[in-house]
Amino acid sequence: MAAPVRVLIGALAALLLAGVMGCENSLPRGGRIGLKLPPSTFGASVNLQQHLTVGRGGRTDELDVALEIDSERIDIVGLVLGQRVLALHYDGKTLETWRHAMMPDELRGEDVLEDLQLTLWPAEQIRAAFPSGWRIEENGRRRTILENDMPVTVIEYGTQMRWSSTVELNNLRYHYRLTIRTAPAGP
């Protein structure tokens, strides 16, 4: 593998290891929600190319993602300089994940799936699956996830069509900002 690809994968791994996608050991209280909604609850089919920018502690890392959701499955492939570094497949029952050997074990598919669903799924589907103490508020193009009335995550959408705009996710618990830019649909 070329040195620049190894460096970028290593940088992304370090960022994720530091808690960007969920490291329960650093939580002040509580944990992840454990959200695993069936793909059919999304209510649409999408096939997207996205560019993710993750900022934490003055550092910025980037990742390209191919995302496909339909009523039967969710598939995610993460790429750095065209090199596959992450893959996730969820059929509503079984979650299968793969990560490049340089990616940390702490990068859990469950956390990636949960963040995806908190960002894109309809609020009523999320609300119905929340454990006691958790709630979701929506105000226009802003979504706030709260645990015991304390904001945990704030998500801002560029348009009402959540998956076709720029999305800013500010995770107050893990102290990172994720910007998701969806590539325009083809001709």
N, C-alpha and C. Protein backbone atom coordinates (compact mmCIF):
# COMPACT_ATOMS: atom_id res chain seq x y z
N MET A 1 0.86 -1.17 0.00
CA MET A 1 0.00 0.00 0.00
C MET A 1 0.90 1.23 0.00
N ALA A 2 0.54 2.24 -0.78
CA ALA A 2 1.34 3.45 -0.89
C ALA A 2 1.39 4.19 0.43
N ALA A 3 2.52 4.85 0.71
CA ALA A 3 2.71 5.56 1.97
C ALA A 3 1.64 6.61 2.23
N PRO A 4 1.23 7.46 1.24
CA PRO A 4 0.20 8.46 1.53
C PRO A 4 -1.12 7.83 1.97
N VAL A 5 -1.49 6.69 1.39
CA VAL A 5 -2.73 6.02 1.78
C VAL A 5 -2.60 5.51 3.21
N ARG A 6 -1.45 4.93 3.56
CA ARG A 6 -1.24 4.45 4.93
C ARG A 6 -1.32 5.60 5.92
N VAL A 7 -0.74 6.73 5.58
CA VAL A 7 -0.77 7.89 6.47
C VAL A 7 -2.19 8.38 6.67
N LEU A 8 -2.98 8.48 5.59
CA LEU A 8 -4.36 8.93 5.72
C LEU A 8 -5.22 7.94 6.49
N ILE A 9 -5.03 6.66 6.23
CA ILE A 9 -5.78 5.64 6.97
C ILE A 9 -5.39 5.70 8.44
N GLY A 10 -4.10 5.85 8.69
CA GLY A 10 -3.63 5.96 10.08
C GLY A 10 -4.20 7.19 10.77
N ALA A 11 -4.28 8.32 10.07
CA ALA A 11 -4.84 9.54 10.64
C ALA A 11 -6.32 9.36 10.96
N LEU A 12 -7.05 8.74 10.03
CA LEU A 12 -8.47 8.49 10.26
C LEU A 12 -8.65 7.53 11.44
N ALA A 13 -7.82 6.50 11.49
CA ALA A 13 -7.90 5.54 12.59
C ALA A 13 -7.65 6.22 13.93
N ALA A 14 -6.67 7.11 13.99
CA ALA A 14 -6.37 7.82 15.23
C ALA A 14 -7.54 8.69 15.65
N LEU A 15 -8.17 9.36 14.69
CA LEU A 15 -9.31 10.20 14.99
C LEU A 15 -10.46 9.37 15.52
N LEU A 16 -10.75 8.27 14.86
CA LEU A 16 -11.84 7.40 15.31
C LEU A 16 -11.54 6.78 16.65
N LEU A 17 -10.28 6.41 16.88
CA LEU A 17 -9.88 5.83 18.14
C LEU A 17 -10.09 6.82 19.28
N ALA A 18 -9.94 8.10 18.98
CA ALA A 18 -10.09 9.15 20.00
C ALA A 18 -11.54 9.38 20.38
N GLY A 19 -12.47 8.75 19.69
CA GLY A 19 -13.85 8.81 20.13
C GLY A 19 -14.84 9.41 19.16
N VAL A 20 -14.45 9.69 17.94
CA VAL A 20 -15.36 10.34 17.01
C VAL A 20 -16.60 9.52 16.74
N MET A 21 -16.48 8.23 16.55
CA MET A 21 -17.63 7.42 16.22
C MET A 21 -18.16 6.64 17.43
N GLY A 22 -17.65 6.93 18.60
CA GLY A 22 -18.23 6.29 19.78
C GLY A 22 -17.25 5.42 20.53
N CYS A 23 -16.77 5.93 21.64
CA CYS A 23 -15.90 5.15 22.52
C CYS A 23 -16.51 5.26 23.91
N GLU A 24 -17.25 4.25 24.31
CA GLU A 24 -18.01 4.33 25.54
C GLU A 24 -17.16 4.64 26.77
N ASN A 25 -15.90 4.28 26.76
CA ASN A 25 -15.06 4.52 27.92
C ASN A 25 -14.93 5.99 28.25
N SER A 26 -15.13 6.89 27.29
CA SER A 26 -14.96 8.31 27.53
C SER A 26 -16.27 9.01 27.89
N LEU A 27 -17.37 8.28 28.02
CA LEU A 27 -18.65 8.91 28.31
C LEU A 27 -18.71 9.38 29.75
N PRO A 28 -19.21 10.60 29.96
CA PRO A 28 -19.35 11.09 31.32
C PRO A 28 -20.42 10.31 32.08
N ARG A 29 -21.48 9.86 31.40
CA ARG A 29 -22.52 9.04 31.99
C ARG A 29 -23.28 8.36 30.86
N GLY A 30 -23.99 7.30 31.20
CA GLY A 30 -24.79 6.64 30.18
C GLY A 30 -23.94 5.96 29.12
N GLY A 31 -24.53 5.69 28.00
CA GLY A 31 -23.83 5.03 26.91
C GLY A 31 -24.53 5.32 25.60
N ARG A 32 -24.29 4.47 24.63
CA ARG A 32 -24.98 4.61 23.36
C ARG A 32 -26.42 4.16 23.54
N ILE A 33 -27.25 4.54 22.61
CA ILE A 33 -28.68 4.22 22.68
C ILE A 33 -28.93 2.76 22.34
N GLY A 34 -28.14 2.22 21.41
CA GLY A 34 -28.38 0.86 20.95
C GLY A 34 -29.39 0.81 19.82
N LEU A 35 -29.53 1.92 19.10
CA LEU A 35 -30.50 2.03 18.02
C LEU A 35 -30.12 1.13 16.84
N LYS A 36 -31.03 0.24 16.46
CA LYS A 36 -30.86 -0.63 15.29
C LYS A 36 -32.22 -0.81 14.64
N LEU A 37 -32.67 0.24 13.97
CA LEU A 37 -33.97 0.19 13.32
C LEU A 37 -33.89 -0.63 12.03
N PRO A 38 -34.92 -1.39 11.70
CA PRO A 38 -34.92 -2.13 10.44
C PRO A 38 -34.84 -1.17 9.25
N PRO A 39 -34.17 -1.57 8.18
CA PRO A 39 -34.07 -0.71 6.99
C PRO A 39 -35.43 -0.24 6.48
N SER A 40 -36.46 -1.09 6.59
CA SER A 40 -37.78 -0.74 6.08
C SER A 40 -38.38 0.48 6.78
N THR A 41 -37.93 0.80 8.00
CA THR A 41 -38.49 1.93 8.72
C THR A 41 -37.97 3.27 8.20
N PHE A 42 -36.99 3.24 7.29
CA PHE A 42 -36.49 4.47 6.69
C PHE A 42 -37.56 5.10 5.80
N GLY A 43 -38.32 4.26 5.09
CA GLY A 43 -39.43 4.75 4.30
C GLY A 43 -39.07 5.25 2.91
N ALA A 44 -37.86 4.98 2.45
CA ALA A 44 -37.43 5.42 1.11
C ALA A 44 -36.25 4.54 0.69
N SER A 45 -35.88 4.69 -0.57
CA SER A 45 -34.66 4.04 -1.09
C SER A 45 -33.73 5.14 -1.59
N VAL A 46 -32.48 5.08 -1.17
CA VAL A 46 -31.49 6.06 -1.61
C VAL A 46 -30.19 5.35 -1.95
N ASN A 47 -29.46 5.94 -2.87
CA ASN A 47 -28.14 5.49 -3.27
C ASN A 47 -27.31 6.76 -3.40
N LEU A 48 -26.41 7.00 -2.44
CA LEU A 48 -25.73 8.29 -2.34
C LEU A 48 -24.22 8.15 -2.32
N GLN A 49 -23.57 9.17 -2.85
CA GLN A 49 -22.13 9.35 -2.69
C GLN A 49 -21.98 10.55 -1.77
N GLN A 50 -21.23 10.38 -0.69
CA GLN A 50 -21.09 11.46 0.27
C GLN A 50 -19.63 11.69 0.61
N HIS A 51 -19.35 12.92 1.03
CA HIS A 51 -18.02 13.29 1.51
C HIS A 51 -18.17 13.72 2.96
N LEU A 52 -17.46 13.06 3.86
CA LEU A 52 -17.54 13.35 5.28
C LEU A 52 -16.29 14.08 5.72
N THR A 53 -16.49 15.14 6.49
CA THR A 53 -15.40 15.87 7.12
C THR A 53 -15.64 15.80 8.62
N VAL A 54 -14.66 15.31 9.35
CA VAL A 54 -14.79 15.15 10.79
C VAL A 54 -13.78 16.07 11.45
N GLY A 55 -14.28 16.91 12.36
CA GLY A 55 -13.40 17.81 13.10
C GLY A 55 -13.49 17.53 14.58
N ARG A 56 -12.31 17.45 15.21
CA ARG A 56 -12.26 17.21 16.65
C ARG A 56 -10.93 17.71 17.17
N GLY A 57 -10.99 18.53 18.21
CA GLY A 57 -9.76 18.99 18.86
C GLY A 57 -8.82 19.73 17.92
N GLY A 58 -9.35 20.53 17.01
CA GLY A 58 -8.52 21.28 16.08
C GLY A 58 -8.02 20.49 14.90
N ARG A 59 -8.41 19.25 14.79
CA ARG A 59 -7.97 18.37 13.71
C ARG A 59 -9.14 18.07 12.77
N THR A 60 -8.85 17.93 11.49
CA THR A 60 -9.87 17.62 10.49
C THR A 60 -9.43 16.42 9.66
N ASP A 61 -10.34 15.46 9.47
CA ASP A 61 -10.09 14.31 8.61
C ASP A 61 -11.26 14.14 7.67
N GLU A 62 -11.01 13.49 6.52
CA GLU A 62 -12.04 13.34 5.50
C GLU A 62 -12.15 11.90 5.04
N LEU A 63 -13.36 11.55 4.59
CA LEU A 63 -13.66 10.19 4.16
C LEU A 63 -14.76 10.26 3.11
N ASP A 64 -14.62 9.51 2.03
CA ASP A 64 -15.69 9.38 1.04
C ASP A 64 -16.51 8.15 1.38
N VAL A 65 -17.83 8.26 1.20
CA VAL A 65 -18.72 7.17 1.57
C VAL A 65 -19.73 6.91 0.46
N ALA A 66 -19.96 5.65 0.17
CA ALA A 66 -21.08 5.22 -0.67
C ALA A 66 -22.12 4.63 0.27
N LEU A 67 -23.33 5.15 0.20
CA LEU A 67 -24.41 4.74 1.10
C LEU A 67 -25.59 4.27 0.26
N GLU A 68 -26.10 3.10 0.57
CA GLU A 68 -27.29 2.58 -0.11
C GLU A 68 -28.26 2.06 0.94
N ILE A 69 -29.50 2.56 0.87
CA ILE A 69 -30.55 2.13 1.78
C ILE A 69 -31.77 1.76 0.95
N ASP A 70 -32.34 0.59 1.22
CA ASP A 70 -33.64 0.24 0.67
C ASP A 70 -34.41 -0.50 1.76
N SER A 71 -35.56 -1.02 1.44
CA SER A 71 -36.40 -1.64 2.48
C SER A 71 -35.80 -2.91 3.06
N GLU A 72 -34.80 -3.48 2.38
CA GLU A 72 -34.21 -4.75 2.81
C GLU A 72 -32.84 -4.62 3.48
N ARG A 73 -32.12 -3.51 3.21
CA ARG A 73 -30.73 -3.46 3.67
C ARG A 73 -30.19 -2.04 3.73
N ILE A 74 -29.11 -1.92 4.49
CA ILE A 74 -28.30 -0.71 4.55
C ILE A 74 -26.88 -1.14 4.24
N ASP A 75 -26.25 -0.49 3.26
CA ASP A 75 -24.86 -0.78 2.92
C ASP A 75 -24.07 0.52 2.94
N ILE A 76 -22.91 0.48 3.58
CA ILE A 76 -22.00 1.62 3.64
C ILE A 76 -20.61 1.14 3.29
N VAL A 77 -19.93 1.88 2.43
CA VAL A 77 -18.52 1.62 2.12
C VAL A 77 -17.79 2.94 2.30
N GLY A 78 -16.74 2.93 3.12
CA GLY A 78 -15.92 4.12 3.35
C GLY A 78 -14.61 4.00 2.61
N LEU A 79 -14.19 5.09 1.96
CA LEU A 79 -12.97 5.10 1.15
C LEU A 79 -12.07 6.28 1.54
N VAL A 80 -10.77 6.04 1.54
CA VAL A 80 -9.77 7.08 1.66
C VAL A 80 -8.86 6.96 0.45
N LEU A 81 -8.80 8.00 -0.36
CA LEU A 81 -8.03 7.98 -1.62
C LEU A 81 -8.35 6.76 -2.46
N GLY A 82 -9.62 6.40 -2.52
CA GLY A 82 -10.06 5.26 -3.32
C GLY A 82 -9.82 3.90 -2.68
N GLN A 83 -9.18 3.87 -1.52
CA GLN A 83 -8.89 2.61 -0.80
C GLN A 83 -10.03 2.35 0.19
N ARG A 84 -10.64 1.17 0.09
CA ARG A 84 -11.72 0.81 1.02
C ARG A 84 -11.14 0.64 2.42
N VAL A 85 -11.74 1.34 3.39
CA VAL A 85 -11.26 1.25 4.77
C VAL A 85 -12.36 0.79 5.73
N LEU A 86 -13.62 0.78 5.25
CA LEU A 86 -14.72 0.43 6.11
C LEU A 86 -15.89 -0.08 5.27
N ALA A 87 -16.58 -1.10 5.74
CA ALA A 87 -17.79 -1.59 5.08
C ALA A 87 -18.78 -2.05 6.15
N LEU A 88 -20.05 -1.78 5.90
CA LEU A 88 -21.10 -2.16 6.83
C LEU A 88 -22.30 -2.64 6.03
N HIS A 89 -22.90 -3.73 6.46
CA HIS A 89 -24.12 -4.27 5.84
C HIS A 89 -25.07 -4.64 6.99
N TYR A 90 -26.31 -4.13 6.89
CA TYR A 90 -27.32 -4.43 7.91
C TYR A 90 -28.63 -4.76 7.22
N ASP A 91 -29.19 -5.94 7.54
CA ASP A 91 -30.43 -6.39 6.92
C ASP A 91 -31.63 -6.31 7.87
N GLY A 92 -31.44 -5.64 8.99
CA GLY A 92 -32.50 -5.54 9.98
C GLY A 92 -32.40 -6.58 11.07
N LYS A 93 -31.58 -7.60 10.83
CA LYS A 93 -31.37 -8.66 11.82
C LYS A 93 -29.90 -8.80 12.17
N THR A 94 -29.06 -8.85 11.14
CA THR A 94 -27.63 -9.08 11.34
C THR A 94 -26.83 -7.90 10.82
N LEU A 95 -25.91 -7.44 11.64
CA LEU A 95 -25.01 -6.36 11.26
C LEU A 95 -23.64 -6.97 10.97
N GLU A 96 -23.18 -6.80 9.74
CA GLU A 96 -21.86 -7.29 9.34
C GLU A 96 -20.97 -6.08 9.07
N THR A 97 -19.77 -6.08 9.64
CA THR A 97 -18.85 -4.97 9.43
C THR A 97 -17.47 -5.50 9.05
N TRP A 98 -16.75 -4.68 8.34
CA TRP A 98 -15.37 -4.93 7.98
C TRP A 98 -14.64 -3.60 8.08
N ARG A 99 -13.42 -3.63 8.57
CA ARG A 99 -12.60 -2.42 8.59
C ARG A 99 -11.18 -2.78 8.24
N HIS A 100 -10.50 -1.85 7.62
CA HIS A 100 -9.11 -2.02 7.26
C HIS A 100 -8.32 -2.35 8.52
N ALA A 101 -7.26 -3.13 8.38
CA ALA A 101 -6.46 -3.54 9.53
C ALA A 101 -5.91 -2.35 10.32
N MET A 102 -5.74 -1.20 9.67
CA MET A 102 -5.22 -0.03 10.37
C MET A 102 -6.31 0.72 11.13
N MET A 103 -7.55 0.33 10.94
CA MET A 103 -8.65 0.97 11.67
C MET A 103 -8.74 0.34 13.05
N PRO A 104 -9.05 1.13 14.07
CA PRO A 104 -9.05 0.61 15.45
C PRO A 104 -10.24 -0.31 15.72
N ASP A 105 -10.04 -1.25 16.64
CA ASP A 105 -11.12 -2.14 17.05
C ASP A 105 -12.28 -1.36 17.67
N GLU A 106 -11.97 -0.19 18.25
CA GLU A 106 -13.01 0.62 18.88
C GLU A 106 -13.99 1.22 17.89
N LEU A 107 -13.66 1.19 16.60
CA LEU A 107 -14.60 1.64 15.58
C LEU A 107 -15.62 0.53 15.40
N ARG A 108 -16.80 0.74 15.98
CA ARG A 108 -17.82 -0.29 15.99
C ARG A 108 -18.91 0.01 14.98
N GLY A 109 -19.30 -1.01 14.24
CA GLY A 109 -20.38 -0.86 13.26
C GLY A 109 -21.67 -0.40 13.90
N GLU A 110 -21.93 -0.84 15.14
CA GLU A 110 -23.15 -0.44 15.85
C GLU A 110 -23.21 1.07 16.02
N ASP A 111 -22.05 1.69 16.30
CA ASP A 111 -22.02 3.14 16.50
C ASP A 111 -22.22 3.89 15.18
N VAL A 112 -21.62 3.38 14.10
CA VAL A 112 -21.80 4.00 12.79
C VAL A 112 -23.27 3.91 12.37
N LEU A 113 -23.88 2.73 12.55
CA LEU A 113 -25.29 2.54 12.21
C LEU A 113 -26.17 3.48 13.04
N GLU A 114 -25.90 3.58 14.32
CA GLU A 114 -26.70 4.45 15.18
C GLU A 114 -26.62 5.91 14.75
N ASP A 115 -25.41 6.40 14.47
CA ASP A 115 -25.27 7.79 14.02
C ASP A 115 -25.99 8.02 12.70
N LEU A 116 -25.90 7.06 11.79
CA LEU A 116 -26.60 7.16 10.51
C LEU A 116 -28.11 7.27 10.74
N GLN A 117 -28.65 6.41 11.58
CA GLN A 117 -30.09 6.40 11.79
C GLN A 117 -30.55 7.63 12.57
N LEU A 118 -29.78 8.10 13.53
CA LEU A 118 -30.15 9.32 14.24
C LEU A 118 -30.20 10.51 13.29
N THR A 119 -29.36 10.49 12.26
CA THR A 119 -29.29 11.60 11.32
C THR A 119 -30.38 11.54 10.25
N LEU A 120 -30.64 10.36 9.70
CA LEU A 120 -31.50 10.27 8.53
C LEU A 120 -32.91 9.72 8.76
N TRP A 121 -33.12 8.91 9.75
CA TRP A 121 -34.42 8.25 9.92
C TRP A 121 -35.49 9.23 10.37
N PRO A 122 -36.75 8.95 10.05
CA PRO A 122 -37.85 9.80 10.53
C PRO A 122 -37.89 9.84 12.06
N ALA A 123 -38.16 11.03 12.59
CA ALA A 123 -38.16 11.23 14.04
C ALA A 123 -39.11 10.27 14.75
N GLU A 124 -40.28 10.01 14.16
CA GLU A 124 -41.25 9.14 14.83
C GLU A 124 -40.73 7.71 14.97
N GLN A 125 -39.94 7.24 14.01
CA GLN A 125 -39.35 5.89 14.10
C GLN A 125 -38.29 5.85 15.20
N ILE A 126 -37.49 6.89 15.28
CA ILE A 126 -36.46 6.97 16.32
C ILE A 126 -37.12 7.06 17.69
N ARG A 127 -38.07 7.95 17.81
CA ARG A 127 -38.76 8.18 19.09
C ARG A 127 -39.36 6.88 19.63
N ALA A 128 -39.96 6.08 18.76
CA ALA A 128 -40.59 4.83 19.19
C ALA A 128 -39.57 3.81 19.69
N ALA A 129 -38.32 3.93 19.25
CA ALA A 129 -37.29 2.96 19.63
C ALA A 129 -36.42 3.42 20.80
N PHE A 130 -36.56 4.67 21.21
CA PHE A 130 -35.72 5.20 22.29
C PHE A 130 -36.00 4.51 23.62
N PRO A 131 -34.93 4.24 24.37
CA PRO A 131 -35.13 3.76 25.74
C PRO A 131 -35.59 4.91 26.65
N SER A 132 -36.01 4.58 27.82
CA SER A 132 -36.46 5.57 28.79
C SER A 132 -35.36 6.62 29.03
N GLY A 133 -35.78 7.88 29.10
CA GLY A 133 -34.83 8.96 29.37
C GLY A 133 -34.32 9.66 28.12
N TRP A 134 -34.49 9.05 26.96
CA TRP A 134 -34.03 9.63 25.70
C TRP A 134 -35.21 10.24 24.96
N ARG A 135 -34.95 11.35 24.24
CA ARG A 135 -35.99 11.92 23.39
C ARG A 135 -35.36 12.68 22.23
N ILE A 136 -36.19 12.97 21.26
CA ILE A 136 -35.76 13.69 20.07
C ILE A 136 -36.68 14.90 19.88
N GLU A 137 -36.08 16.04 19.58
CA GLU A 137 -36.84 17.25 19.28
C GLU A 137 -36.49 17.69 17.87
N GLU A 138 -37.50 18.18 17.16
CA GLU A 138 -37.25 18.73 15.82
C GLU A 138 -37.86 20.12 15.74
N ASN A 139 -37.08 21.03 15.20
CA ASN A 139 -37.54 22.40 15.02
C ASN A 139 -37.02 22.86 13.66
N GLY A 140 -37.88 22.82 12.65
CA GLY A 140 -37.46 23.18 11.30
C GLY A 140 -36.41 22.21 10.79
N ARG A 141 -35.24 22.73 10.49
CA ARG A 141 -34.15 21.89 9.97
C ARG A 141 -33.13 21.56 11.06
N ARG A 142 -33.56 21.55 12.29
CA ARG A 142 -32.69 21.20 13.42
C ARG A 142 -33.29 20.03 14.18
N ARG A 143 -32.46 19.05 14.48
CA ARG A 143 -32.85 17.89 15.27
C ARG A 143 -31.92 17.82 16.47
N THR A 144 -32.50 17.64 17.65
CA THR A 144 -31.70 17.53 18.87
C THR A 144 -32.04 16.22 19.56
N ILE A 145 -31.00 15.48 19.92
CA ILE A 145 -31.14 14.22 20.66
C ILE A 145 -30.77 14.54 22.11
N LEU A 146 -31.66 14.17 23.03
CA LEU A 146 -31.45 14.48 24.44
C LEU A 146 -31.52 13.22 25.28
N GLU A 147 -30.70 13.19 26.31
CA GLU A 147 -30.79 12.14 27.33
C GLU A 147 -31.04 12.84 28.66
N ASN A 148 -32.13 12.50 29.31
CA ASN A 148 -32.51 13.14 30.57
C ASN A 148 -32.47 14.65 30.45
N ASP A 149 -33.04 15.16 29.37
CA ASP A 149 -33.17 16.59 29.07
C ASP A 149 -31.84 17.29 28.81
N MET A 150 -30.76 16.55 28.67
CA MET A 150 -29.45 17.13 28.33
C MET A 150 -29.16 16.86 26.87
N PRO A 151 -28.91 17.91 26.06
CA PRO A 151 -28.59 17.68 24.65
C PRO A 151 -27.32 16.84 24.49
N VAL A 152 -27.41 15.83 23.66
CA VAL A 152 -26.28 14.95 23.37
C VAL A 152 -25.76 15.21 21.97
N THR A 153 -26.68 15.40 21.03
CA THR A 153 -26.31 15.62 19.63
C THR A 153 -27.27 16.64 19.03
N VAL A 154 -26.71 17.58 18.25
CA VAL A 154 -27.51 18.55 17.51
C VAL A 154 -27.18 18.37 16.03
N ILE A 155 -28.21 18.21 15.22
CA ILE A 155 -28.04 17.98 13.79
C ILE A 155 -28.75 19.10 13.03
N GLU A 156 -28.02 19.75 12.12
CA GLU A 156 -28.57 20.82 11.29
C GLU A 156 -28.60 20.33 9.84
N TYR A 157 -29.73 20.52 9.16
CA TYR A 157 -29.91 20.08 7.79
C TYR A 157 -29.97 21.29 6.86
N GLY A 158 -29.35 21.17 5.69
CA GLY A 158 -29.37 22.25 4.71
C GLY A 158 -30.72 22.42 4.04
N THR A 159 -31.47 21.32 3.90
CA THR A 159 -32.81 21.37 3.30
C THR A 159 -33.71 20.39 4.03
N GLN A 160 -34.99 20.40 3.71
CA GLN A 160 -35.92 19.46 4.32
C GLN A 160 -35.66 18.01 3.87
N MET A 161 -35.09 17.83 2.67
CA MET A 161 -34.75 16.49 2.17
C MET A 161 -33.40 16.12 2.79
N ARG A 162 -33.46 15.49 3.93
CA ARG A 162 -32.28 15.28 4.79
C ARG A 162 -31.09 14.63 4.09
N TRP A 163 -31.33 13.69 3.22
CA TRP A 163 -30.22 12.94 2.64
C TRP A 163 -29.69 13.58 1.37
N SER A 164 -30.25 14.70 0.93
CA SER A 164 -29.76 15.31 -0.31
C SER A 164 -29.15 16.68 -0.07
N SER A 165 -28.79 16.98 1.16
CA SER A 165 -28.24 18.29 1.47
C SER A 165 -26.97 18.13 2.32
N THR A 166 -26.39 19.25 2.67
CA THR A 166 -25.29 19.23 3.62
C THR A 166 -25.87 19.10 5.01
N VAL A 167 -25.29 18.22 5.79
CA VAL A 167 -25.74 17.97 7.16
C VAL A 167 -24.57 18.25 8.09
N GLU A 168 -24.84 18.98 9.16
CA GLU A 168 -23.84 19.25 10.20
C GLU A 168 -24.30 18.55 11.47
N LEU A 169 -23.52 17.59 11.93
CA LEU A 169 -23.82 16.89 13.17
C LEU A 169 -22.81 17.33 14.20
N ASN A 170 -23.30 17.87 15.31
CA ASN A 170 -22.42 18.29 16.40
C ASN A 170 -22.69 17.37 17.58
N ASN A 171 -21.74 16.48 17.86
CA ASN A 171 -21.90 15.55 18.96
C ASN A 171 -21.30 16.18 20.20
N LEU A 172 -22.17 16.59 21.12
CA LEU A 172 -21.76 17.29 22.32
C LEU A 172 -21.12 16.35 23.34
N ARG A 173 -21.47 15.09 23.29
CA ARG A 173 -20.93 14.11 24.24
C ARG A 173 -19.52 13.69 23.85
N TYR A 174 -19.30 13.40 22.57
CA TYR A 174 -17.98 12.94 22.12
C TYR A 174 -17.11 14.07 21.58
N HIS A 175 -17.67 15.28 21.54
CA HIS A 175 -16.91 16.48 21.15
C HIS A 175 -16.34 16.39 19.75
N TYR A 176 -17.20 16.10 18.78
CA TYR A 176 -16.78 16.15 17.39
C TYR A 176 -17.88 16.75 16.53
N ARG A 177 -17.47 17.26 15.38
CA ARG A 177 -18.39 17.82 14.39
C ARG A 177 -18.20 17.05 13.10
N LEU A 178 -19.30 16.56 12.56
CA LEU A 178 -19.30 15.80 11.32
C LEU A 178 -20.09 16.57 10.28
N THR A 179 -19.45 16.88 9.16
CA THR A 179 -20.14 17.52 8.04
C THR A 179 -20.28 16.49 6.93
N ILE A 180 -21.51 16.29 6.48
CA ILE A 180 -21.81 15.32 5.43
C ILE A 180 -22.29 16.09 4.21
N ARG A 181 -21.55 15.97 3.13
CA ARG A 181 -21.95 16.62 1.87
C ARG A 181 -22.32 15.52 0.87
N THR A 182 -23.54 15.55 0.43
CA THR A 182 -23.99 14.56 -0.55
C THR A 182 -23.71 15.08 -1.94
N ALA A 183 -23.10 14.23 -2.76
CA ALA A 183 -22.82 14.59 -4.15
C ALA A 183 -24.13 14.71 -4.91
N PRO A 184 -24.24 15.66 -5.84
CA PRO A 184 -25.46 15.79 -6.62
C PRO A 184 -25.73 14.51 -7.41
N ALA A 185 -27.03 14.22 -7.60
CA ALA A 185 -27.44 13.03 -8.38
C ALA A 185 -26.99 13.22 -9.83
N GLY A 186 -26.72 12.12 -10.49
CA GLY A 186 -26.29 12.14 -11.88
C GLY A 186 -27.39 12.64 -12.81
N PRO A 187 -27.07 12.77 -14.10
CA PRO A 187 -28.03 13.30 -15.07
C PRO A 187 -29.26 12.42 -15.24
